[in-house]
Amino acid sequence: VEVSHDNFMTFVDWMLSDEFKIKEHANFLGQPPYSFDLSNMYWLPALLNGGTIKALPHEVVENFGQMFTALPNLDLEVFVGTPSFADMLMLSPAFNQQKMPSLKTFLFCGEELTVKTAKGLHQRFPDAKIFNTYGPTETTVAVSGIEITPEIIENNDRLPVGYAKPGVKLSIWNGNQ
């Protein structure tokens, strides 16, 4: 998919803005493959902010025992992934704030973030920020985002996809408009 320079730059500016609270030199989980546009959410901020990408080899991701052992040792600060990958990680009792105290930010895109998943993450990582984002590939990963707080979880059956990022106007069309 061809992406315009403007789309790319608004995405980069948004990822590095105060909205996501990503600190300089952060350690990012590099789980989504580079062929998946979601990978832009970790490699761009890491590259531009002096961060480190902690990549999990495919064979480790496919072996739950290895993955559950490896993750707490990576000193991760930013999780970028799909909600289904987080669901898989929550099969491990070690996926929690006590074992991974530096993990403070979760960035989700690519699938619906369910109330169940968000609630489970807030219980396991009470000090972490959880962000739900939405956007088709053609828009450079995501066009909207929101921090999912416990209040949002309690007041919604389905979680919102957030507000438009700066420089984007969202509209709903009914076929004629």
N, C-alpha and C. Protein backbone atom coordinates (compact mmCIF):
# COMPACT_ATOMS: atom_id res chain seq x y z
N VAL A 1 0.85 -1.18 0.00
CA VAL A 1 0.00 0.00 0.00
C VAL A 1 0.89 1.23 0.00
N GLU A 2 0.62 2.13 -0.93
CA GLU A 2 1.37 3.38 -0.99
C GLU A 2 0.85 4.34 0.07
N VAL A 3 1.76 4.92 0.82
CA VAL A 3 1.41 5.86 1.89
C VAL A 3 2.06 7.20 1.57
N SER A 4 1.30 8.26 1.68
CA SER A 4 1.83 9.59 1.37
C SER A 4 2.80 10.06 2.46
N HIS A 5 3.66 10.98 2.07
CA HIS A 5 4.60 11.57 3.02
C HIS A 5 3.84 12.27 4.15
N ASP A 6 2.76 12.98 3.82
CA ASP A 6 1.96 13.66 4.85
C ASP A 6 1.39 12.67 5.85
N ASN A 7 0.84 11.55 5.36
CA ASN A 7 0.30 10.54 6.28
C ASN A 7 1.40 10.00 7.19
N PHE A 8 2.54 9.73 6.60
CA PHE A 8 3.66 9.20 7.37
C PHE A 8 4.08 10.19 8.46
N MET A 9 4.23 11.45 8.10
CA MET A 9 4.70 12.44 9.06
C MET A 9 3.67 12.73 10.16
N THR A 10 2.38 12.74 9.82
CA THR A 10 1.39 12.96 10.88
C THR A 10 1.38 11.78 11.84
N PHE A 11 1.61 10.57 11.31
CA PHE A 11 1.68 9.40 12.19
C PHE A 11 2.89 9.50 13.12
N VAL A 12 4.05 9.82 12.57
CA VAL A 12 5.26 9.94 13.38
C VAL A 12 5.08 11.01 14.46
N ASP A 13 4.59 12.17 14.07
CA ASP A 13 4.38 13.25 15.05
C ASP A 13 3.43 12.83 16.15
N TRP A 14 2.38 12.13 15.78
CA TRP A 14 1.38 11.66 16.75
C TRP A 14 1.99 10.66 17.72
N MET A 15 2.75 9.69 17.20
CA MET A 15 3.35 8.67 18.06
C MET A 15 4.32 9.28 19.06
N LEU A 16 4.99 10.35 18.68
CA LEU A 16 5.98 10.97 19.56
C LEU A 16 5.39 12.10 20.40
N SER A 17 4.09 12.34 20.27
CA SER A 17 3.44 13.41 21.03
C SER A 17 3.22 12.97 22.48
N ASP A 18 2.75 13.90 23.28
CA ASP A 18 2.47 13.62 24.69
C ASP A 18 1.30 12.67 24.88
N GLU A 19 0.50 12.46 23.84
CA GLU A 19 -0.68 11.60 23.98
C GLU A 19 -0.33 10.20 24.46
N PHE A 20 0.74 9.62 23.93
CA PHE A 20 1.09 8.24 24.28
C PHE A 20 2.13 8.14 25.40
N LYS A 21 2.72 9.26 25.77
CA LYS A 21 3.64 9.30 26.91
C LYS A 21 4.81 8.32 26.77
N ILE A 22 5.32 8.17 25.56
CA ILE A 22 6.46 7.28 25.33
C ILE A 22 7.74 8.06 25.64
N LYS A 23 8.49 7.57 26.59
CA LYS A 23 9.69 8.29 26.99
C LYS A 23 10.85 7.98 26.03
N GLU A 24 11.84 8.84 26.06
CA GLU A 24 13.04 8.61 25.25
C GLU A 24 13.76 7.36 25.73
N HIS A 25 14.41 6.69 24.80
CA HIS A 25 15.23 5.51 25.08
C HIS A 25 14.44 4.33 25.64
N ALA A 26 13.15 4.25 25.32
CA ALA A 26 12.30 3.17 25.83
C ALA A 26 12.61 1.85 25.14
N ASN A 27 12.33 0.76 25.86
CA ASN A 27 12.45 -0.59 25.31
C ASN A 27 11.09 -1.04 24.79
N PHE A 28 11.02 -1.35 23.51
CA PHE A 28 9.79 -1.74 22.84
C PHE A 28 9.78 -3.23 22.55
N LEU A 29 8.64 -3.87 22.74
CA LEU A 29 8.47 -5.24 22.28
C LEU A 29 8.28 -5.21 20.77
N GLY A 30 9.13 -5.91 20.05
CA GLY A 30 9.04 -5.97 18.60
C GLY A 30 8.40 -7.26 18.15
N GLN A 31 7.15 -7.49 18.51
CA GLN A 31 6.48 -8.74 18.17
C GLN A 31 5.82 -8.74 16.79
N PRO A 32 5.03 -7.71 16.43
CA PRO A 32 4.43 -7.76 15.09
C PRO A 32 5.51 -7.75 14.01
N PRO A 33 5.39 -8.61 13.01
CA PRO A 33 6.41 -8.65 11.95
C PRO A 33 6.43 -7.34 11.16
N TYR A 34 7.57 -7.05 10.55
CA TYR A 34 7.73 -5.81 9.79
C TYR A 34 6.77 -5.73 8.61
N SER A 35 6.28 -6.86 8.14
CA SER A 35 5.33 -6.86 7.02
C SER A 35 3.94 -6.40 7.47
N PHE A 36 3.69 -6.31 8.76
CA PHE A 36 2.42 -5.87 9.33
C PHE A 36 2.58 -4.39 9.67
N ASP A 37 1.70 -3.53 9.16
CA ASP A 37 1.87 -2.10 9.38
C ASP A 37 1.92 -1.71 10.86
N LEU A 38 1.38 -2.55 11.72
CA LEU A 38 1.44 -2.30 13.16
C LEU A 38 2.88 -2.17 13.65
N SER A 39 3.82 -2.80 12.95
CA SER A 39 5.23 -2.70 13.36
C SER A 39 5.72 -1.26 13.36
N ASN A 40 5.10 -0.39 12.55
CA ASN A 40 5.49 1.03 12.56
C ASN A 40 5.31 1.67 13.92
N MET A 41 4.43 1.09 14.74
CA MET A 41 4.18 1.65 16.07
C MET A 41 5.35 1.41 17.02
N TYR A 42 6.21 0.46 16.72
CA TYR A 42 7.37 0.29 17.60
C TYR A 42 8.67 0.72 16.94
N TRP A 43 8.88 0.41 15.66
CA TRP A 43 10.19 0.74 15.12
C TRP A 43 10.38 2.23 14.88
N LEU A 44 9.32 2.94 14.50
CA LEU A 44 9.47 4.39 14.29
C LEU A 44 9.78 5.14 15.59
N PRO A 45 8.96 4.98 16.65
CA PRO A 45 9.31 5.69 17.89
C PRO A 45 10.66 5.25 18.46
N ALA A 46 10.98 3.98 18.34
CA ALA A 46 12.28 3.51 18.85
C ALA A 46 13.42 4.17 18.08
N LEU A 47 13.32 4.18 16.77
CA LEU A 47 14.37 4.76 15.94
C LEU A 47 14.52 6.26 16.18
N LEU A 48 13.41 6.96 16.27
CA LEU A 48 13.44 8.42 16.38
C LEU A 48 13.64 8.93 17.80
N ASN A 49 13.48 8.06 18.80
CA ASN A 49 13.61 8.49 20.20
C ASN A 49 14.74 7.77 20.93
N GLY A 50 15.61 7.12 20.17
CA GLY A 50 16.75 6.45 20.79
C GLY A 50 16.38 5.21 21.58
N GLY A 51 15.26 4.59 21.22
CA GLY A 51 14.80 3.40 21.93
C GLY A 51 15.46 2.12 21.45
N THR A 52 15.07 1.03 22.07
CA THR A 52 15.57 -0.30 21.74
C THR A 52 14.40 -1.20 21.43
N ILE A 53 14.53 -1.96 20.36
CA ILE A 53 13.51 -2.94 20.00
C ILE A 53 13.96 -4.30 20.50
N LYS A 54 13.13 -4.92 21.32
CA LYS A 54 13.40 -6.26 21.83
C LYS A 54 12.53 -7.22 21.01
N ALA A 55 13.13 -7.81 20.00
CA ALA A 55 12.39 -8.68 19.09
C ALA A 55 12.37 -10.11 19.60
N LEU A 56 11.22 -10.74 19.44
CA LEU A 56 11.07 -12.15 19.77
C LEU A 56 11.17 -12.96 18.49
N PRO A 57 12.12 -13.88 18.41
CA PRO A 57 12.20 -14.73 17.23
C PRO A 57 10.91 -15.54 17.06
N HIS A 58 10.58 -15.83 15.82
CA HIS A 58 9.35 -16.57 15.50
C HIS A 58 9.26 -17.88 16.28
N GLU A 59 10.38 -18.58 16.41
CA GLU A 59 10.35 -19.87 17.11
C GLU A 59 10.06 -19.70 18.61
N VAL A 60 10.41 -18.55 19.18
CA VAL A 60 10.10 -18.29 20.59
C VAL A 60 8.61 -17.99 20.75
N VAL A 61 8.04 -17.21 19.83
CA VAL A 61 6.62 -16.88 19.89
C VAL A 61 5.77 -18.15 19.74
N GLU A 62 6.24 -19.09 18.94
CA GLU A 62 5.49 -20.33 18.72
C GLU A 62 5.60 -21.31 19.88
N ASN A 63 6.55 -21.10 20.79
CA ASN A 63 6.74 -21.99 21.93
C ASN A 63 6.38 -21.21 23.19
N PHE A 64 5.16 -21.44 23.70
CA PHE A 64 4.69 -20.66 24.84
C PHE A 64 5.65 -20.71 26.03
N GLY A 65 6.21 -21.86 26.31
CA GLY A 65 7.13 -21.97 27.44
C GLY A 65 8.32 -21.04 27.29
N GLN A 66 8.92 -21.02 26.10
CA GLN A 66 10.05 -20.12 25.85
C GLN A 66 9.61 -18.65 25.92
N MET A 67 8.47 -18.36 25.33
CA MET A 67 8.00 -16.98 25.31
C MET A 67 7.69 -16.48 26.72
N PHE A 68 7.00 -17.29 27.52
CA PHE A 68 6.65 -16.89 28.87
C PHE A 68 7.89 -16.72 29.75
N THR A 69 8.95 -17.47 29.46
CA THR A 69 10.20 -17.34 30.19
C THR A 69 10.98 -16.11 29.74
N ALA A 70 10.98 -15.85 28.43
CA ALA A 70 11.77 -14.75 27.88
C ALA A 70 11.21 -13.36 28.22
N LEU A 71 9.91 -13.19 28.13
CA LEU A 71 9.32 -11.85 28.27
C LEU A 71 9.68 -11.11 29.56
N PRO A 72 9.59 -11.73 30.73
CA PRO A 72 9.93 -10.97 31.95
C PRO A 72 11.39 -10.53 32.01
N ASN A 73 12.24 -11.11 31.18
CA ASN A 73 13.66 -10.77 31.20
C ASN A 73 14.04 -9.69 30.18
N LEU A 74 13.07 -9.16 29.45
CA LEU A 74 13.37 -8.20 28.39
C LEU A 74 13.35 -6.74 28.85
N ASP A 75 12.93 -6.48 30.07
CA ASP A 75 12.87 -5.11 30.59
C ASP A 75 12.05 -4.20 29.66
N LEU A 76 10.90 -4.71 29.23
CA LEU A 76 10.04 -3.97 28.30
C LEU A 76 9.38 -2.79 28.98
N GLU A 77 9.25 -1.70 28.22
CA GLU A 77 8.53 -0.52 28.70
C GLU A 77 7.29 -0.25 27.86
N VAL A 78 7.34 -0.61 26.57
CA VAL A 78 6.23 -0.36 25.65
C VAL A 78 5.87 -1.66 24.93
N PHE A 79 4.62 -2.07 25.07
CA PHE A 79 4.09 -3.24 24.38
C PHE A 79 3.31 -2.74 23.18
N VAL A 80 3.68 -3.17 21.99
CA VAL A 80 2.93 -2.89 20.77
C VAL A 80 2.49 -4.22 20.22
N GLY A 81 1.19 -4.40 20.05
CA GLY A 81 0.71 -5.67 19.54
C GLY A 81 -0.78 -5.69 19.34
N THR A 82 -1.25 -6.85 19.01
CA THR A 82 -2.69 -7.06 18.84
C THR A 82 -3.28 -7.53 20.16
N PRO A 83 -4.56 -7.28 20.36
CA PRO A 83 -5.21 -7.79 21.57
C PRO A 83 -5.13 -9.31 21.70
N SER A 84 -5.19 -10.03 20.58
CA SER A 84 -5.12 -11.49 20.68
C SER A 84 -3.76 -11.95 21.19
N PHE A 85 -2.69 -11.21 20.86
CA PHE A 85 -1.37 -11.57 21.39
C PHE A 85 -1.33 -11.31 22.90
N ALA A 86 -1.94 -10.22 23.35
CA ALA A 86 -2.01 -9.95 24.79
C ALA A 86 -2.83 -11.03 25.50
N ASP A 87 -3.93 -11.48 24.87
CA ASP A 87 -4.72 -12.57 25.45
C ASP A 87 -3.86 -13.82 25.62
N MET A 88 -3.03 -14.10 24.63
CA MET A 88 -2.16 -15.26 24.70
C MET A 88 -1.16 -15.10 25.86
N LEU A 89 -0.61 -13.91 26.02
CA LEU A 89 0.35 -13.68 27.09
C LEU A 89 -0.29 -13.79 28.47
N MET A 90 -1.57 -13.44 28.56
CA MET A 90 -2.25 -13.53 29.85
C MET A 90 -2.53 -14.97 30.27
N LEU A 91 -2.18 -15.93 29.43
CA LEU A 91 -2.23 -17.34 29.86
C LEU A 91 -1.12 -17.63 30.87
N SER A 92 -0.10 -16.78 30.88
CA SER A 92 1.01 -16.94 31.82
C SER A 92 0.77 -16.12 33.08
N PRO A 93 0.87 -16.74 34.26
CA PRO A 93 0.75 -15.98 35.50
C PRO A 93 1.87 -14.95 35.67
N ALA A 94 2.99 -15.13 34.96
CA ALA A 94 4.13 -14.21 35.08
C ALA A 94 3.93 -12.92 34.28
N PHE A 95 2.88 -12.84 33.48
CA PHE A 95 2.62 -11.63 32.71
C PHE A 95 1.85 -10.66 33.60
N ASN A 96 2.61 -9.94 34.44
CA ASN A 96 2.00 -9.01 35.40
C ASN A 96 3.02 -7.95 35.82
N GLN A 97 2.54 -6.94 36.50
CA GLN A 97 3.37 -5.82 36.91
C GLN A 97 4.48 -6.23 37.88
N GLN A 98 4.21 -7.19 38.74
CA GLN A 98 5.23 -7.62 39.69
C GLN A 98 6.44 -8.22 38.97
N LYS A 99 6.20 -9.01 37.94
CA LYS A 99 7.29 -9.65 37.20
C LYS A 99 7.87 -8.75 36.11
N MET A 100 7.07 -7.77 35.65
CA MET A 100 7.49 -6.89 34.57
C MET A 100 7.21 -5.43 34.97
N PRO A 101 7.90 -4.93 36.00
CA PRO A 101 7.57 -3.61 36.55
C PRO A 101 7.84 -2.44 35.61
N SER A 102 8.69 -2.61 34.62
CA SER A 102 8.99 -1.49 33.72
C SER A 102 7.96 -1.33 32.60
N LEU A 103 7.09 -2.32 32.41
CA LEU A 103 6.09 -2.26 31.33
C LEU A 103 4.98 -1.29 31.73
N LYS A 104 4.98 -0.12 31.10
CA LYS A 104 4.06 0.96 31.50
C LYS A 104 3.10 1.40 30.40
N THR A 105 3.31 0.94 29.16
CA THR A 105 2.47 1.40 28.05
C THR A 105 2.10 0.22 27.15
N PHE A 106 0.81 0.10 26.87
CA PHE A 106 0.30 -0.88 25.92
C PHE A 106 -0.34 -0.13 24.76
N LEU A 107 0.11 -0.41 23.54
CA LEU A 107 -0.46 0.19 22.33
C LEU A 107 -1.08 -0.91 21.49
N PHE A 108 -2.39 -0.82 21.27
CA PHE A 108 -3.10 -1.84 20.51
C PHE A 108 -3.66 -1.28 19.21
N CYS A 109 -3.62 -2.12 18.18
CA CYS A 109 -4.21 -1.82 16.89
C CYS A 109 -4.32 -3.15 16.14
N GLY A 110 -5.07 -3.16 15.07
CA GLY A 110 -5.13 -4.35 14.22
C GLY A 110 -6.29 -5.27 14.49
N GLU A 111 -6.89 -5.17 15.66
CA GLU A 111 -8.04 -5.99 16.05
C GLU A 111 -8.83 -5.22 17.10
N GLU A 112 -10.03 -5.68 17.35
CA GLU A 112 -10.83 -5.06 18.41
C GLU A 112 -10.22 -5.39 19.78
N LEU A 113 -10.04 -4.36 20.58
CA LEU A 113 -9.63 -4.53 21.97
C LEU A 113 -10.91 -4.73 22.78
N THR A 114 -11.06 -5.91 23.35
CA THR A 114 -12.29 -6.21 24.08
C THR A 114 -12.21 -5.72 25.53
N VAL A 115 -13.39 -5.57 26.12
CA VAL A 115 -13.48 -5.20 27.53
C VAL A 115 -12.75 -6.23 28.38
N LYS A 116 -12.93 -7.50 28.06
CA LYS A 116 -12.30 -8.58 28.84
C LYS A 116 -10.78 -8.44 28.82
N THR A 117 -10.20 -8.20 27.65
CA THR A 117 -8.75 -8.07 27.55
C THR A 117 -8.26 -6.83 28.30
N ALA A 118 -8.92 -5.70 28.09
CA ALA A 118 -8.50 -4.46 28.77
C ALA A 118 -8.62 -4.59 30.28
N LYS A 119 -9.69 -5.20 30.75
CA LYS A 119 -9.89 -5.40 32.18
C LYS A 119 -8.79 -6.29 32.75
N GLY A 120 -8.46 -7.37 32.05
CA GLY A 120 -7.40 -8.27 32.49
C GLY A 120 -6.06 -7.56 32.57
N LEU A 121 -5.76 -6.71 31.59
CA LEU A 121 -4.50 -5.97 31.61
C LEU A 121 -4.46 -4.96 32.75
N HIS A 122 -5.56 -4.27 32.99
CA HIS A 122 -5.59 -3.31 34.10
C HIS A 122 -5.42 -4.02 35.45
N GLN A 123 -5.96 -5.22 35.57
CA GLN A 123 -5.79 -5.97 36.82
C GLN A 123 -4.35 -6.42 37.00
N ARG A 124 -3.71 -6.83 35.92
CA ARG A 124 -2.33 -7.33 36.00
C ARG A 124 -1.29 -6.21 36.02
N PHE A 125 -1.59 -5.10 35.36
CA PHE A 125 -0.66 -3.97 35.26
C PHE A 125 -1.40 -2.68 35.67
N PRO A 126 -1.70 -2.54 36.96
CA PRO A 126 -2.52 -1.39 37.39
C PRO A 126 -1.89 -0.03 37.15
N ASP A 127 -0.58 0.05 37.02
CA ASP A 127 0.08 1.34 36.80
C ASP A 127 0.32 1.65 35.33
N ALA A 128 -0.03 0.73 34.44
CA ALA A 128 0.23 0.91 33.01
C ALA A 128 -0.89 1.69 32.33
N LYS A 129 -0.54 2.34 31.23
CA LYS A 129 -1.50 3.02 30.36
C LYS A 129 -1.81 2.09 29.19
N ILE A 130 -3.09 1.96 28.87
CA ILE A 130 -3.53 1.11 27.77
C ILE A 130 -4.18 2.00 26.72
N PHE A 131 -3.69 1.91 25.49
CA PHE A 131 -4.22 2.72 24.40
C PHE A 131 -4.82 1.83 23.33
N ASN A 132 -6.03 2.18 22.91
CA ASN A 132 -6.69 1.51 21.80
C ASN A 132 -6.63 2.46 20.61
N THR A 133 -6.15 1.97 19.48
CA THR A 133 -6.08 2.79 18.28
C THR A 133 -6.79 2.07 17.15
N TYR A 134 -7.12 2.84 16.12
CA TYR A 134 -7.82 2.27 14.98
C TYR A 134 -7.35 2.96 13.70
N GLY A 135 -7.28 2.17 12.65
CA GLY A 135 -7.02 2.75 11.34
C GLY A 135 -6.66 1.70 10.32
N PRO A 136 -7.12 1.89 9.11
CA PRO A 136 -6.72 0.99 8.03
C PRO A 136 -5.29 1.28 7.59
N THR A 137 -4.66 0.30 6.98
CA THR A 137 -3.28 0.42 6.51
C THR A 137 -3.06 1.67 5.68
N GLU A 138 -4.02 2.00 4.83
CA GLU A 138 -3.88 3.14 3.92
C GLU A 138 -3.69 4.46 4.65
N THR A 139 -4.02 4.52 5.91
CA THR A 139 -3.88 5.76 6.67
C THR A 139 -2.59 5.78 7.50
N THR A 140 -1.71 4.85 7.28
CA THR A 140 -0.47 4.71 8.04
C THR A 140 -0.79 4.26 9.46
N VAL A 141 -1.17 3.04 9.59
CA VAL A 141 -1.41 2.34 10.84
C VAL A 141 -2.70 2.75 11.53
N ALA A 142 -2.77 3.98 12.03
CA ALA A 142 -3.93 4.37 12.83
C ALA A 142 -4.28 5.84 12.62
N VAL A 143 -5.56 6.14 12.75
CA VAL A 143 -6.03 7.52 12.63
C VAL A 143 -6.71 8.01 13.90
N SER A 144 -6.95 7.09 14.84
CA SER A 144 -7.60 7.50 16.08
C SER A 144 -7.04 6.70 17.24
N GLY A 145 -7.19 7.26 18.42
CA GLY A 145 -6.70 6.57 19.61
C GLY A 145 -7.31 7.13 20.87
N ILE A 146 -7.26 6.31 21.91
CA ILE A 146 -7.79 6.72 23.21
C ILE A 146 -7.13 5.88 24.30
N GLU A 147 -6.88 6.51 25.44
CA GLU A 147 -6.42 5.75 26.60
C GLU A 147 -7.63 5.06 27.22
N ILE A 148 -7.50 3.75 27.42
CA ILE A 148 -8.59 2.96 27.98
C ILE A 148 -8.41 2.91 29.50
N THR A 149 -9.21 3.68 30.19
CA THR A 149 -9.15 3.76 31.64
C THR A 149 -10.13 2.76 32.26
N PRO A 150 -9.98 2.47 33.55
CA PRO A 150 -10.97 1.60 34.21
C PRO A 150 -12.40 2.13 34.07
N GLU A 151 -12.56 3.46 34.07
CA GLU A 151 -13.90 4.04 33.93
C GLU A 151 -14.49 3.74 32.55
N ILE A 152 -13.68 3.83 31.52
CA ILE A 152 -14.16 3.51 30.17
C ILE A 152 -14.56 2.04 30.10
N ILE A 153 -13.77 1.18 30.70
CA ILE A 153 -14.07 -0.26 30.69
C ILE A 153 -15.41 -0.52 31.37
N GLU A 154 -15.62 0.10 32.52
CA GLU A 154 -16.85 -0.15 33.29
C GLU A 154 -18.10 0.41 32.63
N ASN A 155 -17.95 1.43 31.80
CA ASN A 155 -19.10 2.10 31.21
C ASN A 155 -19.39 1.72 29.76
N ASN A 156 -18.71 0.71 29.23
CA ASN A 156 -18.90 0.34 27.83
C ASN A 156 -18.93 -1.18 27.65
N ASP A 157 -19.82 -1.64 26.78
CA ASP A 157 -19.83 -3.05 26.40
C ASP A 157 -18.75 -3.32 25.35
N ARG A 158 -18.50 -2.33 24.51
CA ARG A 158 -17.43 -2.39 23.52
C ARG A 158 -16.61 -1.11 23.67
N LEU A 159 -15.31 -1.24 23.54
CA LEU A 159 -14.43 -0.10 23.80
C LEU A 159 -14.36 0.84 22.60
N PRO A 160 -14.26 2.14 22.87
CA PRO A 160 -14.16 3.11 21.78
C PRO A 160 -12.80 3.03 21.09
N VAL A 161 -12.77 3.49 19.84
CA VAL A 161 -11.52 3.53 19.09
C VAL A 161 -10.86 4.90 19.18
N GLY A 162 -11.48 5.82 19.87
CA GLY A 162 -10.82 7.06 20.20
C GLY A 162 -11.17 8.25 19.34
N TYR A 163 -10.30 9.22 19.43
CA TYR A 163 -10.46 10.50 18.77
C TYR A 163 -9.45 10.60 17.63
N ALA A 164 -9.79 11.39 16.64
CA ALA A 164 -8.91 11.57 15.48
C ALA A 164 -7.57 12.14 15.91
N LYS A 165 -6.51 11.62 15.31
CA LYS A 165 -5.19 12.19 15.58
C LYS A 165 -5.12 13.58 14.93
N PRO A 166 -4.22 14.43 15.38
CA PRO A 166 -4.10 15.77 14.80
C PRO A 166 -3.90 15.70 13.28
N GLY A 167 -4.57 16.60 12.58
CA GLY A 167 -4.45 16.66 11.13
C GLY A 167 -5.39 15.74 10.39
N VAL A 168 -6.27 15.06 11.11
CA VAL A 168 -7.19 14.10 10.50
C VAL A 168 -8.62 14.51 10.81
N LYS A 169 -9.47 14.42 9.81
CA LYS A 169 -10.90 14.65 10.00
C LYS A 169 -11.60 13.33 9.71
N LEU A 170 -12.36 12.84 10.67
CA LEU A 170 -13.11 11.60 10.50
C LEU A 170 -14.55 11.91 10.16
N SER A 171 -15.13 11.11 9.28
CA SER A 171 -16.54 11.27 8.95
C SER A 171 -17.14 9.91 8.66
N ILE A 172 -18.45 9.82 8.82
CA ILE A 172 -19.18 8.59 8.54
C ILE A 172 -20.04 8.84 7.31
N TRP A 173 -19.91 7.97 6.33
CA TRP A 173 -20.64 8.12 5.08
C TRP A 173 -21.71 7.05 4.99
N ASN A 174 -22.85 7.42 4.42
CA ASN A 174 -23.94 6.47 4.28
C ASN A 174 -24.15 6.03 2.83
N GLY A 175 -23.17 6.19 1.99
CA GLY A 175 -23.28 5.82 0.58
C GLY A 175 -23.45 7.03 -0.31
N ASN A 176 -24.17 8.04 0.13
CA ASN A 176 -24.37 9.27 -0.63
C ASN A 176 -23.51 10.41 -0.10
N GLN A 177 -23.16 10.31 1.13
CA GLN A 177 -22.38 11.38 1.77
C GLN A 177 -21.48 10.82 2.83
